[in-house]
């Protein structure tokens, strides 16, 4: 059972990246999958969430209109398309799951990191000229 985050890298301000969070060993049917990021010296911050149950999404205000999260059920993968990247978007990005069969995960809000019970390893995003 594993979540594999990938797609980070170095990009100039205004550039784009697409992060992937691939699940292996299980399906995402009743989970919500979120992306969090953490910059050095800062707290982990929720960025986006997508519910595998109903497709609902949520974003932190600073990324609305720039980032978009989506899912590919066949590939059991969730994506985060990041456009018009800014230096303040830099950090290590993590994907995480919340929800159970009895209490499926939704994305009415991003929620706090403590609500997510399974985490992938991070992928580093650097935004610099």
C-alpha atoms as a PDB file:
ATOM      1  CA  UNK A   1       0.000   0.000   0.000  1.00  0.00           C
ATOM      2  CA  UNK A   2       1.721   3.120  -1.199  1.00  0.00           C
ATOM      3  CA  UNK A   3       1.193   6.670  -2.391  1.00  0.00           C
ATOM      4  CA  UNK A   4       3.850   7.870  -4.795  1.00  0.00           C
ATOM      5  CA  UNK A   5       4.131  11.600  -5.417  1.00  0.00           C
ATOM      6  CA  UNK A   6       6.158  12.813  -8.372  1.00  0.00           C
ATOM      7  CA  UNK A   7       6.532  15.668 -10.813  1.00  0.00           C
ATOM      8  CA  UNK A   8       8.342  18.259  -8.775  1.00  0.00           C
ATOM      9  CA  UNK A   9      11.276  20.184 -10.107  1.00  0.00           C
ATOM     10  CA  UNK A  10      12.786  23.569 -10.776  1.00  0.00           C
ATOM     11  CA  UNK A  11      10.665  26.056 -12.691  1.00  0.00           C
ATOM     12  CA  UNK A  12      10.878  29.759 -13.369  1.00  0.00           C
ATOM     13  CA  UNK A  13       8.215  32.124 -12.035  1.00  0.00           C
ATOM     14  CA  UNK A  14       5.225  31.993 -14.332  1.00  0.00           C
ATOM     15  CA  UNK A  15       5.981  28.425 -15.324  1.00  0.00           C
ATOM     16  CA  UNK A  16       3.960  25.252 -14.863  1.00  0.00           C
ATOM     17  CA  UNK A  17       4.339  21.832 -13.330  1.00  0.00           C
ATOM     18  CA  UNK A  18       2.049  18.858 -12.991  1.00  0.00           C
ATOM     19  CA  UNK A  19       2.335  16.737  -9.870  1.00  0.00           C
ATOM     20  CA  UNK A  20       1.079  13.178  -9.751  1.00  0.00           C
ATOM     21  CA  UNK A  21      -0.005  11.094  -6.778  1.00  0.00           C
ATOM     22  CA  UNK A  22      -0.260   7.428  -7.737  1.00  0.00           C
ATOM     23  CA  UNK A  23      -1.766   4.843  -5.440  1.00  0.00           C
ATOM     24  CA  UNK A  24      -0.648   1.251  -5.487  1.00  0.00           C
ATOM     25  CA  UNK A  25      -2.057  -1.664  -3.586  1.00  0.00           C
ATOM     26  CA  UNK A  26      -5.483  -0.112  -3.128  1.00  0.00           C
ATOM     27  CA  UNK A  27      -8.115   1.970  -4.883  1.00  0.00           C
ATOM     28  CA  UNK A  28      -9.187   5.494  -4.001  1.00  0.00           C
ATOM     29  CA  UNK A  29     -12.921   4.888  -4.170  1.00  0.00           C
ATOM     30  CA  UNK A  30     -13.964   6.339  -0.820  1.00  0.00           C
ATOM     31  CA  UNK A  31     -11.092   8.697  -0.142  1.00  0.00           C
ATOM     32  CA  UNK A  32     -10.466  12.367  -0.512  1.00  0.00           C
ATOM     33  CA  UNK A  33      -6.974  13.090  -1.789  1.00  0.00           C
ATOM     34  CA  UNK A  34      -5.303  16.319  -0.826  1.00  0.00           C
ATOM     35  CA  UNK A  35      -2.081  18.064  -1.676  1.00  0.00           C
ATOM     36  CA  UNK A  36      -0.213  19.797   1.107  1.00  0.00           C
ATOM     37  CA  UNK A  37       2.987  21.773   0.867  1.00  0.00           C
ATOM     38  CA  UNK A  38       5.620  22.760   3.339  1.00  0.00           C
ATOM     39  CA  UNK A  39       8.291  25.380   2.926  1.00  0.00           C
ATOM     40  CA  UNK A  40      11.359  25.410   5.181  1.00  0.00           C
ATOM     41  CA  UNK A  41      10.499  26.855   8.555  1.00  0.00           C
ATOM     42  CA  UNK A  42       6.781  26.968   7.831  1.00  0.00           C
ATOM     43  CA  UNK A  43       3.836  24.822   8.768  1.00  0.00           C
ATOM     44  CA  UNK A  44       2.375  22.307   6.394  1.00  0.00           C
ATOM     45  CA  UNK A  45      -0.364  23.999   4.372  1.00  0.00           C
ATOM     46  CA  UNK A  46      -3.299  22.476   2.539  1.00  0.00           C
ATOM     47  CA  UNK A  47      -3.307  23.318  -1.164  1.00  0.00           C
ATOM     48  CA  UNK A  48      -6.067  21.302  -2.795  1.00  0.00           C
ATOM     49  CA  UNK A  49      -8.432  18.435  -2.233  1.00  0.00           C
ATOM     50  CA  UNK A  50     -10.482  16.212  -4.519  1.00  0.00           C
ATOM     51  CA  UNK A  51     -13.056  13.688  -3.377  1.00  0.00           C
ATOM     52  CA  UNK A  52     -13.055  10.348  -5.140  1.00  0.00           C
ATOM     53  CA  UNK A  53     -16.635   9.933  -3.888  1.00  0.00           C
ATOM     54  CA  UNK A  54     -18.322  12.865  -5.596  1.00  0.00           C
ATOM     55  CA  UNK A  55     -15.561  14.729  -7.410  1.00  0.00           C
ATOM     56  CA  UNK A  56     -15.868  17.801  -5.212  1.00  0.00           C
ATOM     57  CA  UNK A  57     -12.780  19.955  -4.928  1.00  0.00           C
ATOM     58  CA  UNK A  58     -11.379  22.594  -2.623  1.00  0.00           C
ATOM     59  CA  UNK A  59      -8.421  24.950  -2.885  1.00  0.00           C
ATOM     60  CA  UNK A  60      -6.599  27.320  -0.648  1.00  0.00           C
ATOM     61  CA  UNK A  61      -7.264  30.901  -1.710  1.00  0.00           C
ATOM     62  CA  UNK A  62      -3.717  31.632  -2.836  1.00  0.00           C
ATOM     63  CA  UNK A  63      -3.849  29.007  -5.613  1.00  0.00           C
ATOM     64  CA  UNK A  64      -7.385  29.424  -6.889  1.00  0.00           C
ATOM     65  CA  UNK A  65      -7.444  30.170 -10.644  1.00  0.00           C
ATOM     66  CA  UNK A  66      -3.866  28.905 -10.947  1.00  0.00           C
ATOM     67  CA  UNK A  67      -3.945  25.304  -9.724  1.00  0.00           C
ATOM     68  CA  UNK A  68      -6.316  22.506 -10.654  1.00  0.00           C
ATOM     69  CA  UNK A  69      -6.614  19.052  -9.184  1.00  0.00           C
ATOM     70  CA  UNK A  70      -8.028  16.127 -11.137  1.00  0.00           C
ATOM     71  CA  UNK A  71      -8.203  12.359 -10.981  1.00  0.00           C
ATOM     72  CA  UNK A  72      -7.785   9.407 -13.273  1.00  0.00           C
ATOM     73  CA  UNK A  73      -9.685   6.504 -11.781  1.00  0.00           C
ATOM     74  CA  UNK A  74      -8.258   3.995 -14.221  1.00  0.00           C
ATOM     75  CA  UNK A  75      -4.702   4.942 -13.277  1.00  0.00           C
ATOM     76  CA  UNK A  76      -5.620   5.402  -9.588  1.00  0.00           C
ATOM     77  CA  UNK A  77      -3.834   8.727  -9.760  1.00  0.00           C
ATOM     78  CA  UNK A  78      -4.586  12.258  -8.668  1.00  0.00           C
ATOM     79  CA  UNK A  79      -2.943  15.221 -10.346  1.00  0.00           C
ATOM     80  CA  UNK A  80      -2.191  18.792  -9.399  1.00  0.00           C
ATOM     81  CA  UNK A  81      -1.706  21.067 -12.379  1.00  0.00           C
ATOM     82  CA  UNK A  82       0.119  24.172 -11.236  1.00  0.00           C
ATOM     83  CA  UNK A  83       0.218  27.169 -13.552  1.00  0.00           C
ATOM     84  CA  UNK A  84       1.672  30.651 -13.187  1.00  0.00           C
ATOM     85  CA  UNK A  85       3.892  29.459 -10.375  1.00  0.00           C
ATOM     86  CA  UNK A  86       5.189  32.018  -7.924  1.00  0.00           C
ATOM     87  CA  UNK A  87       8.206  31.874  -5.616  1.00  0.00           C
ATOM     88  CA  UNK A  88       5.848  31.523  -2.648  1.00  0.00           C
ATOM     89  CA  UNK A  89       4.537  28.257  -4.139  1.00  0.00           C
ATOM     90  CA  UNK A  90       7.896  26.603  -3.541  1.00  0.00           C
ATOM     91  CA  UNK A  91       8.179  23.786  -1.040  1.00  0.00           C
ATOM     92  CA  UNK A  92       7.835  20.078  -0.638  1.00  0.00           C
ATOM     93  CA  UNK A  93       4.461  18.861  -1.841  1.00  0.00           C
ATOM     94  CA  UNK A  94       2.801  15.869  -0.253  1.00  0.00           C
ATOM     95  CA  UNK A  95      -0.322  13.961  -1.188  1.00  0.00           C
ATOM     96  CA  UNK A  96      -2.482  12.487   1.528  1.00  0.00           C
ATOM     97  CA  UNK A  97      -5.733  10.580   1.994  1.00  0.00           C
ATOM     98  CA  UNK A  98      -8.659  10.901   4.325  1.00  0.00           C
ATOM     99  CA  UNK A  99     -11.809   8.827   4.589  1.00  0.00           C
ATOM    100  CA  UNK A 100     -12.908   5.312   5.317  1.00  0.00           C
ATOM    101  CA  UNK A 101     -15.481   2.925   3.884  1.00  0.00           C
ATOM    102  CA  UNK A 102     -17.821   3.913   6.711  1.00  0.00           C
ATOM    103  CA  UNK A 103     -17.019   7.635   6.537  1.00  0.00           C
ATOM    104  CA  UNK A 104     -15.977   8.506   2.987  1.00  0.00           C
ATOM    105  CA  UNK A 105     -13.805  11.518   2.341  1.00  0.00           C
ATOM    106  CA  UNK A 106     -15.254  14.728   0.973  1.00  0.00           C
ATOM    107  CA  UNK A 107     -13.726  18.095   0.221  1.00  0.00           C
ATOM    108  CA  UNK A 108     -16.111  20.692   1.613  1.00  0.00           C
ATOM    109  CA  UNK A 109     -12.987  22.147   3.158  1.00  0.00           C
ATOM    110  CA  UNK A 110      -9.312  21.274   2.904  1.00  0.00           C
ATOM    111  CA  UNK A 111      -9.088  20.309   6.545  1.00  0.00           C
ATOM    112  CA  UNK A 112      -5.990  20.119   8.694  1.00  0.00           C
ATOM    113  CA  UNK A 113      -3.110  17.672   8.190  1.00  0.00           C
ATOM    114  CA  UNK A 114      -4.284  15.715  11.241  1.00  0.00           C
ATOM    115  CA  UNK A 115      -7.435  14.698   9.371  1.00  0.00           C
ATOM    116  CA  UNK A 116      -5.399  12.803   6.789  1.00  0.00           C
ATOM    117  CA  UNK A 117      -4.295   9.360   7.832  1.00  0.00           C
ATOM    118  CA  UNK A 118      -2.111   8.209   4.962  1.00  0.00           C
ATOM    119  CA  UNK A 119       0.694  10.186   3.390  1.00  0.00           C
ATOM    120  CA  UNK A 120       2.978   9.813   0.449  1.00  0.00           C
ATOM    121  CA  UNK A 121       6.553  10.988   0.346  1.00  0.00           C
ATOM    122  CA  UNK A 122       7.099  14.543  -0.791  1.00  0.00           C
ATOM    123  CA  UNK A 123       8.152  15.958  -4.112  1.00  0.00           C
ATOM    124  CA  UNK A 124      10.146  19.177  -4.156  1.00  0.00           C
ATOM    125  CA  UNK A 125       8.976  22.208  -6.110  1.00  0.00           C
ATOM    126  CA  UNK A 126      11.434  25.057  -6.572  1.00  0.00           C
ATOM    127  CA  UNK A 127      10.327  28.299  -8.197  1.00  0.00           C
ATOM    128  CA  UNK A 128      13.236  30.507  -9.033  1.00  0.00           C
ATOM    129  CA  UNK A 129      14.707  32.480 -11.877  1.00  0.00           C
END
